[in-house]
Amino acid sequence: MVIYIDSSFLLSIIFEEENSNLSIEIWKDNDYRVSSILLESECLITLRRFFKNNEDNLERNWLSLKEIELYGLLDEVNIRAFDEALIGYLKLNEELSKCKTLDAMHLATALEFRDKVTVGIGICTYDRNMRRTAGEMNFPVLPHTF
């Protein structure tokens, strides 16, 4: 299966959250990973904001190490730039309005990938609203439970 990576999923690995082992297992079990160009910006800004807010409690090189980890993982993801074609998916799929804007853009990108691949595509996210909307759009949502 192709897996679509959302920032909440990727950040669970980078931040070594409680569910990170599950995320790593899903990551390793699926060789073909896709996402939107949004993934990089969302993760980078989150890492930098976290570092700024917790600077006194973190090692000086924490941010640079996490950015190296981020870009190493991103190298394993096929990234799709957002363009007019994806705006078309937003226009055609009113159910995307149930999401926040960036989540809707992620799901529009996933819809395009689903239209282009011959195997199933699952959405990897921990965002509850995005999970619900993706499920309503007949995407398998991973992890199945957490």
N, C-alpha and C. Protein backbone atom coordinates (compact mmCIF):
# COMPACT_ATOMS: atom_id res chain seq x y z
N MET A 1 0.85 -1.18 0.00
CA MET A 1 0.00 0.00 0.00
C MET A 1 0.89 1.24 0.00
N VAL A 2 0.42 2.27 -0.64
CA VAL A 2 1.05 3.59 -0.60
C VAL A 2 0.53 4.28 0.66
N ILE A 3 1.40 4.93 1.40
CA ILE A 3 0.93 5.67 2.57
C ILE A 3 1.17 7.16 2.37
N TYR A 4 0.15 7.93 2.73
CA TYR A 4 0.21 9.38 2.67
C TYR A 4 0.57 9.87 4.07
N ILE A 5 1.65 10.62 4.17
CA ILE A 5 2.18 11.05 5.46
C ILE A 5 1.72 12.46 5.81
N ASP A 6 1.06 12.58 6.96
CA ASP A 6 0.65 13.87 7.50
C ASP A 6 1.68 14.30 8.55
N SER A 7 1.76 15.59 8.81
CA SER A 7 2.76 16.11 9.75
C SER A 7 2.61 15.51 11.15
N SER A 8 1.39 15.28 11.61
CA SER A 8 1.22 14.71 12.96
C SER A 8 1.87 13.34 13.05
N PHE A 9 1.81 12.59 11.97
CA PHE A 9 2.41 11.26 11.93
C PHE A 9 3.94 11.35 11.93
N LEU A 10 4.48 12.19 11.05
CA LEU A 10 5.94 12.34 10.97
C LEU A 10 6.51 12.92 12.26
N LEU A 11 5.82 13.90 12.82
CA LEU A 11 6.30 14.52 14.06
C LEU A 11 6.25 13.56 15.24
N SER A 12 5.34 12.59 15.20
CA SER A 12 5.30 11.60 16.29
C SER A 12 6.61 10.81 16.32
N ILE A 13 7.20 10.58 15.15
CA ILE A 13 8.49 9.88 15.08
C ILE A 13 9.61 10.80 15.58
N ILE A 14 9.63 12.01 15.09
CA ILE A 14 10.71 12.93 15.43
C ILE A 14 10.71 13.31 16.90
N PHE A 15 9.52 13.53 17.46
CA PHE A 15 9.41 13.89 18.88
C PHE A 15 9.44 12.68 19.80
N GLU A 16 9.51 11.47 19.21
CA GLU A 16 9.54 10.23 19.98
C GLU A 16 8.38 10.17 20.97
N GLU A 17 7.19 10.46 20.44
CA GLU A 17 5.97 10.46 21.25
C GLU A 17 5.59 9.04 21.63
N GLU A 18 4.60 8.93 22.49
CA GLU A 18 4.13 7.64 22.98
C GLU A 18 3.79 6.67 21.85
N ASN A 19 3.25 7.18 20.77
CA ASN A 19 2.84 6.34 19.64
C ASN A 19 3.92 6.21 18.56
N SER A 20 5.13 6.67 18.85
CA SER A 20 6.18 6.67 17.82
C SER A 20 6.56 5.27 17.35
N ASN A 21 6.54 4.28 18.24
CA ASN A 21 6.88 2.92 17.81
C ASN A 21 5.89 2.41 16.77
N LEU A 22 4.62 2.73 16.97
CA LEU A 22 3.59 2.35 16.00
C LEU A 22 3.83 3.07 14.67
N SER A 23 4.16 4.34 14.74
CA SER A 23 4.43 5.12 13.53
C SER A 23 5.64 4.56 12.78
N ILE A 24 6.69 4.23 13.50
CA ILE A 24 7.90 3.68 12.89
C ILE A 24 7.60 2.34 12.23
N GLU A 25 6.79 1.52 12.88
CA GLU A 25 6.42 0.22 12.31
C GLU A 25 5.66 0.40 11.00
N ILE A 26 4.70 1.31 10.98
CA ILE A 26 3.93 1.59 9.75
C ILE A 26 4.88 2.12 8.67
N TRP A 27 5.76 3.04 9.05
CA TRP A 27 6.73 3.62 8.12
C TRP A 27 7.56 2.52 7.46
N LYS A 28 8.11 1.63 8.28
CA LYS A 28 8.99 0.58 7.78
C LYS A 28 8.26 -0.47 6.96
N ASP A 29 6.97 -0.69 7.26
CA ASP A 29 6.19 -1.71 6.56
C ASP A 29 5.71 -1.27 5.18
N ASN A 30 5.86 0.01 4.87
CA ASN A 30 5.36 0.55 3.60
C ASN A 30 6.48 1.29 2.90
N ASP A 31 6.90 0.76 1.76
CA ASP A 31 8.05 1.31 1.05
C ASP A 31 7.74 2.57 0.24
N TYR A 32 6.49 2.80 -0.07
CA TYR A 32 6.16 3.94 -0.92
C TYR A 32 5.37 4.95 -0.10
N ARG A 33 6.02 6.10 0.17
CA ARG A 33 5.43 7.15 1.00
C ARG A 33 5.26 8.41 0.17
N VAL A 34 4.11 9.06 0.32
CA VAL A 34 3.82 10.29 -0.42
C VAL A 34 3.28 11.35 0.53
N SER A 35 3.36 12.60 0.09
CA SER A 35 2.78 13.70 0.86
C SER A 35 2.78 14.96 0.01
N SER A 36 2.30 16.02 0.63
CA SER A 36 2.28 17.34 0.03
C SER A 36 3.52 18.11 0.45
N ILE A 37 3.87 19.11 -0.31
CA ILE A 37 4.95 20.01 0.05
C ILE A 37 4.70 20.66 1.41
N LEU A 38 3.45 20.66 1.84
CA LEU A 38 3.09 21.21 3.15
C LEU A 38 3.80 20.47 4.28
N LEU A 39 4.09 19.20 4.07
CA LEU A 39 4.69 18.39 5.13
C LEU A 39 5.99 19.01 5.64
N GLU A 40 6.85 19.42 4.74
CA GLU A 40 8.12 20.00 5.14
C GLU A 40 7.91 21.27 5.96
N SER A 41 7.10 22.18 5.46
CA SER A 41 6.92 23.46 6.15
C SER A 41 6.24 23.28 7.50
N GLU A 42 5.23 22.43 7.58
CA GLU A 42 4.55 22.21 8.86
C GLU A 42 5.50 21.63 9.90
N CYS A 43 6.30 20.65 9.50
CA CYS A 43 7.22 20.01 10.45
C CYS A 43 8.35 20.96 10.85
N LEU A 44 8.90 21.67 9.89
CA LEU A 44 10.00 22.59 10.19
C LEU A 44 9.55 23.68 11.16
N ILE A 45 8.40 24.28 10.89
CA ILE A 45 7.90 25.35 11.76
C ILE A 45 7.59 24.80 13.15
N THR A 46 7.01 23.61 13.23
CA THR A 46 6.70 23.01 14.53
C THR A 46 7.97 22.75 15.33
N LEU A 47 8.99 22.21 14.68
CA LEU A 47 10.26 21.96 15.37
C LEU A 47 10.87 23.26 15.88
N ARG A 48 10.90 24.28 15.05
CA ARG A 48 11.49 25.56 15.44
C ARG A 48 10.69 26.23 16.56
N ARG A 49 9.38 26.17 16.48
CA ARG A 49 8.54 26.76 17.52
C ARG A 49 8.74 26.01 18.85
N PHE A 50 8.79 24.68 18.78
CA PHE A 50 9.01 23.88 19.99
C PHE A 50 10.36 24.23 20.62
N PHE A 51 11.39 24.34 19.79
CA PHE A 51 12.71 24.67 20.31
C PHE A 51 12.70 26.05 20.97
N LYS A 52 12.10 27.02 20.30
CA LYS A 52 12.05 28.38 20.84
C LYS A 52 11.33 28.41 22.19
N ASN A 53 10.25 27.65 22.31
CA ASN A 53 9.46 27.63 23.53
C ASN A 53 10.08 26.80 24.65
N ASN A 54 11.05 25.96 24.31
CA ASN A 54 11.65 25.05 25.31
C ASN A 54 13.17 25.13 25.34
N GLU A 55 13.70 26.20 24.81
CA GLU A 55 15.15 26.37 24.65
C GLU A 55 15.93 26.12 25.94
N ASP A 56 15.38 26.57 27.05
CA ASP A 56 16.10 26.45 28.33
C ASP A 56 16.20 25.00 28.80
N ASN A 57 15.35 24.13 28.31
CA ASN A 57 15.33 22.73 28.76
C ASN A 57 15.91 21.76 27.74
N LEU A 58 16.42 22.27 26.62
CA LEU A 58 16.94 21.41 25.56
C LEU A 58 18.42 21.68 25.33
N GLU A 59 19.09 20.68 24.81
CA GLU A 59 20.49 20.84 24.42
C GLU A 59 20.59 21.88 23.31
N ARG A 60 21.71 22.56 23.24
CA ARG A 60 21.92 23.61 22.22
C ARG A 60 21.74 23.10 20.80
N ASN A 61 22.18 21.86 20.56
CA ASN A 61 22.14 21.31 19.21
C ASN A 61 20.86 20.52 18.92
N TRP A 62 19.89 20.59 19.82
CA TRP A 62 18.65 19.82 19.66
C TRP A 62 17.99 20.12 18.31
N LEU A 63 17.82 21.40 18.01
CA LEU A 63 17.12 21.77 16.77
C LEU A 63 17.87 21.28 15.54
N SER A 64 19.17 21.48 15.50
CA SER A 64 19.91 21.05 14.31
C SER A 64 19.85 19.54 14.14
N LEU A 65 19.89 18.78 15.23
CA LEU A 65 19.78 17.32 15.14
C LEU A 65 18.40 16.90 14.66
N LYS A 66 17.37 17.56 15.15
CA LYS A 66 16.00 17.22 14.73
C LYS A 66 15.75 17.62 13.28
N GLU A 67 16.34 18.73 12.83
CA GLU A 67 16.19 19.11 11.42
C GLU A 67 16.90 18.10 10.51
N ILE A 68 18.05 17.60 10.92
CA ILE A 68 18.74 16.56 10.16
C ILE A 68 17.87 15.32 10.08
N GLU A 69 17.26 14.94 11.21
CA GLU A 69 16.37 13.78 11.23
C GLU A 69 15.17 14.01 10.30
N LEU A 70 14.58 15.21 10.37
CA LEU A 70 13.44 15.55 9.52
C LEU A 70 13.80 15.38 8.05
N TYR A 71 14.91 15.97 7.63
CA TYR A 71 15.25 15.92 6.21
C TYR A 71 15.66 14.51 5.77
N GLY A 72 16.20 13.73 6.69
CA GLY A 72 16.47 12.33 6.37
C GLY A 72 15.19 11.56 6.08
N LEU A 73 14.17 11.79 6.90
CA LEU A 73 12.87 11.14 6.69
C LEU A 73 12.19 11.68 5.43
N LEU A 74 12.25 12.98 5.22
CA LEU A 74 11.63 13.57 4.03
C LEU A 74 12.25 13.03 2.74
N ASP A 75 13.51 12.65 2.79
CA ASP A 75 14.15 12.05 1.61
C ASP A 75 13.48 10.75 1.19
N GLU A 76 12.73 10.15 2.11
CA GLU A 76 12.06 8.88 1.82
C GLU A 76 10.60 9.07 1.39
N VAL A 77 10.19 10.33 1.21
CA VAL A 77 8.80 10.64 0.86
C VAL A 77 8.76 11.31 -0.51
N ASN A 78 7.84 10.85 -1.36
CA ASN A 78 7.61 11.47 -2.67
C ASN A 78 6.71 12.67 -2.41
N ILE A 79 7.26 13.87 -2.59
CA ILE A 79 6.56 15.11 -2.26
C ILE A 79 5.90 15.69 -3.51
N ARG A 80 4.65 16.12 -3.36
CA ARG A 80 3.89 16.74 -4.45
C ARG A 80 3.69 18.22 -4.12
N ALA A 81 4.11 19.07 -5.03
CA ALA A 81 3.88 20.51 -4.88
C ALA A 81 2.39 20.79 -5.05
N PHE A 82 1.93 21.83 -4.40
CA PHE A 82 0.52 22.20 -4.50
C PHE A 82 0.36 23.16 -5.68
N ASP A 83 -0.58 22.87 -6.57
CA ASP A 83 -0.76 23.69 -7.76
C ASP A 83 -2.24 23.77 -8.13
N GLU A 84 -2.51 24.32 -9.29
CA GLU A 84 -3.89 24.51 -9.74
C GLU A 84 -4.65 23.19 -9.86
N ALA A 85 -3.97 22.12 -10.23
CA ALA A 85 -4.64 20.82 -10.34
C ALA A 85 -5.20 20.39 -8.98
N LEU A 86 -4.46 20.66 -7.92
CA LEU A 86 -4.93 20.29 -6.59
C LEU A 86 -6.06 21.21 -6.12
N ILE A 87 -6.04 22.45 -6.57
CA ILE A 87 -7.16 23.35 -6.27
C ILE A 87 -8.44 22.74 -6.87
N GLY A 88 -8.31 22.12 -8.02
CA GLY A 88 -9.45 21.44 -8.64
C GLY A 88 -10.04 20.37 -7.74
N TYR A 89 -9.19 19.62 -7.04
CA TYR A 89 -9.69 18.62 -6.10
C TYR A 89 -10.43 19.27 -4.94
N LEU A 90 -9.95 20.42 -4.49
CA LEU A 90 -10.66 21.16 -3.43
C LEU A 90 -12.03 21.61 -3.92
N LYS A 91 -12.10 22.07 -5.16
CA LYS A 91 -13.37 22.54 -5.73
C LYS A 91 -14.37 21.40 -5.90
N LEU A 92 -13.89 20.23 -6.31
CA LEU A 92 -14.77 19.11 -6.61
C LEU A 92 -15.22 18.31 -5.39
N ASN A 93 -14.56 18.49 -4.26
CA ASN A 93 -14.82 17.67 -3.09
C ASN A 93 -15.23 18.54 -1.90
N GLU A 94 -16.52 18.85 -1.84
CA GLU A 94 -17.02 19.74 -0.80
C GLU A 94 -16.78 19.20 0.61
N GLU A 95 -16.68 17.87 0.75
CA GLU A 95 -16.46 17.29 2.07
C GLU A 95 -15.12 17.72 2.68
N LEU A 96 -14.21 18.22 1.85
CA LEU A 96 -12.94 18.72 2.37
C LEU A 96 -13.12 19.96 3.23
N SER A 97 -14.26 20.62 3.10
CA SER A 97 -14.50 21.82 3.91
C SER A 97 -14.75 21.47 5.38
N LYS A 98 -14.85 20.19 5.70
CA LYS A 98 -14.99 19.75 7.09
C LYS A 98 -13.66 19.85 7.83
N CYS A 99 -12.57 20.05 7.08
CA CYS A 99 -11.22 20.09 7.65
C CYS A 99 -10.72 21.52 7.76
N LYS A 100 -9.66 21.67 8.53
CA LYS A 100 -8.90 22.91 8.49
C LYS A 100 -8.26 22.99 7.11
N THR A 101 -7.89 24.18 6.71
CA THR A 101 -7.41 24.41 5.35
C THR A 101 -6.21 23.53 4.99
N LEU A 102 -5.20 23.48 5.83
CA LEU A 102 -4.01 22.68 5.49
C LEU A 102 -4.35 21.19 5.42
N ASP A 103 -5.23 20.71 6.30
CA ASP A 103 -5.64 19.31 6.24
C ASP A 103 -6.42 19.03 4.95
N ALA A 104 -7.26 19.97 4.56
CA ALA A 104 -7.99 19.81 3.29
C ALA A 104 -7.02 19.76 2.12
N MET A 105 -5.98 20.57 2.18
CA MET A 105 -4.97 20.55 1.10
C MET A 105 -4.23 19.21 1.09
N HIS A 106 -3.93 18.67 2.28
CA HIS A 106 -3.31 17.35 2.35
C HIS A 106 -4.24 16.30 1.72
N LEU A 107 -5.51 16.33 2.09
CA LEU A 107 -6.43 15.32 1.57
C LEU A 107 -6.67 15.49 0.07
N ALA A 108 -6.66 16.71 -0.43
CA ALA A 108 -6.76 16.92 -1.88
C ALA A 108 -5.56 16.28 -2.57
N THR A 109 -4.40 16.42 -1.99
CA THR A 109 -3.19 15.80 -2.56
C THR A 109 -3.31 14.28 -2.52
N ALA A 110 -3.82 13.76 -1.41
CA ALA A 110 -4.01 12.31 -1.30
C ALA A 110 -5.01 11.81 -2.34
N LEU A 111 -6.06 12.59 -2.59
CA LEU A 111 -7.03 12.21 -3.61
C LEU A 111 -6.37 12.11 -4.99
N GLU A 112 -5.51 13.06 -5.30
CA GLU A 112 -4.83 13.00 -6.59
C GLU A 112 -3.93 11.77 -6.67
N PHE A 113 -3.18 11.50 -5.60
CA PHE A 113 -2.34 10.30 -5.61
C PHE A 113 -3.22 9.05 -5.78
N ARG A 114 -4.35 9.01 -5.09
CA ARG A 114 -5.24 7.85 -5.20
C ARG A 114 -5.72 7.66 -6.63
N ASP A 115 -5.98 8.75 -7.32
CA ASP A 115 -6.41 8.66 -8.72
C ASP A 115 -5.29 8.19 -9.65
N LYS A 116 -4.05 8.30 -9.22
CA LYS A 116 -2.92 7.99 -10.11
C LYS A 116 -2.23 6.66 -9.82
N VAL A 117 -2.46 6.08 -8.64
CA VAL A 117 -1.79 4.82 -8.32
C VAL A 117 -2.76 3.66 -8.49
N THR A 118 -2.21 2.49 -8.70
CA THR A 118 -3.05 1.32 -8.93
C THR A 118 -3.23 0.48 -7.67
N VAL A 119 -2.56 0.86 -6.60
CA VAL A 119 -2.72 0.16 -5.33
C VAL A 119 -3.44 1.09 -4.36
N GLY A 120 -3.84 0.56 -3.23
CA GLY A 120 -4.53 1.38 -2.23
C GLY A 120 -3.60 2.42 -1.62
N ILE A 121 -4.21 3.47 -1.11
CA ILE A 121 -3.45 4.51 -0.43
C ILE A 121 -4.09 4.76 0.92
N GLY A 122 -3.27 4.70 1.96
CA GLY A 122 -3.75 4.93 3.32
C GLY A 122 -3.25 6.27 3.83
N ILE A 123 -4.04 6.90 4.68
CA ILE A 123 -3.68 8.19 5.27
C ILE A 123 -3.11 7.95 6.66
N CYS A 124 -1.88 8.40 6.88
CA CYS A 124 -1.22 8.27 8.18
C CYS A 124 -1.31 9.61 8.91
N THR A 125 -2.15 9.66 9.92
CA THR A 125 -2.35 10.89 10.67
C THR A 125 -2.85 10.58 12.07
N TYR A 126 -2.56 11.47 13.01
CA TYR A 126 -3.12 11.39 14.36
C TYR A 126 -4.14 12.49 14.59
N ASP A 127 -4.34 13.34 13.63
CA ASP A 127 -5.31 14.42 13.75
C ASP A 127 -6.72 13.82 13.65
N ARG A 128 -7.49 13.96 14.70
CA ARG A 128 -8.81 13.30 14.77
C ARG A 128 -9.76 13.77 13.66
N ASN A 129 -9.82 15.04 13.41
CA ASN A 129 -10.71 15.57 12.38
C ASN A 129 -10.29 15.08 10.98
N MET A 130 -8.99 15.09 10.74
CA MET A 130 -8.51 14.61 9.45
C MET A 130 -8.77 13.11 9.30
N ARG A 131 -8.61 12.36 10.39
CA ARG A 131 -8.89 10.91 10.36
C ARG A 131 -10.36 10.67 9.99
N ARG A 132 -11.25 11.43 10.62
CA ARG A 132 -12.68 11.26 10.37
C ARG A 132 -13.01 11.58 8.92
N THR A 133 -12.52 12.72 8.43
CA THR A 133 -12.82 13.13 7.05
C THR A 133 -12.22 12.15 6.04
N ALA A 134 -10.98 11.71 6.29
CA ALA A 134 -10.35 10.73 5.39
C ALA A 134 -11.15 9.44 5.35
N GLY A 135 -11.63 8.99 6.50
CA GLY A 135 -12.46 7.79 6.55
C GLY A 135 -13.75 7.96 5.77
N GLU A 136 -14.38 9.12 5.90
CA GLU A 136 -15.60 9.41 5.14
C GLU A 136 -15.34 9.42 3.64
N MET A 137 -14.11 9.67 3.25
CA MET A 137 -13.73 9.70 1.83
C MET A 137 -13.19 8.34 1.37
N ASN A 138 -13.40 7.33 2.19
CA ASN A 138 -13.03 5.94 1.89
C ASN A 138 -11.54 5.70 1.80
N PHE A 139 -10.76 6.43 2.56
CA PHE A 139 -9.35 6.14 2.71
C PHE A 139 -9.17 5.24 3.92
N PRO A 140 -8.32 4.22 3.83
CA PRO A 140 -7.90 3.54 5.06
C PRO A 140 -7.09 4.56 5.87
N VAL A 141 -7.32 4.57 7.18
CA VAL A 141 -6.62 5.53 8.04
C VAL A 141 -5.71 4.75 8.99
N LEU A 142 -4.46 5.16 9.04
CA LEU A 142 -3.45 4.51 9.87
C LEU A 142 -2.88 5.49 10.88
N PRO A 143 -2.53 5.02 12.05
CA PRO A 143 -2.77 3.66 12.53
C PRO A 143 -4.26 3.42 12.74
N HIS A 144 -4.64 2.14 12.71
CA HIS A 144 -6.06 1.82 12.83
C HIS A 144 -6.61 2.30 14.18
N THR A 145 -5.84 2.11 15.21
CA THR A 145 -6.19 2.62 16.55
C THR A 145 -4.93 3.14 17.21
N PHE A 146 -5.12 4.05 18.12
CA PHE A 146 -3.97 4.54 18.91
C PHE A 146 -4.48 5.06 20.23
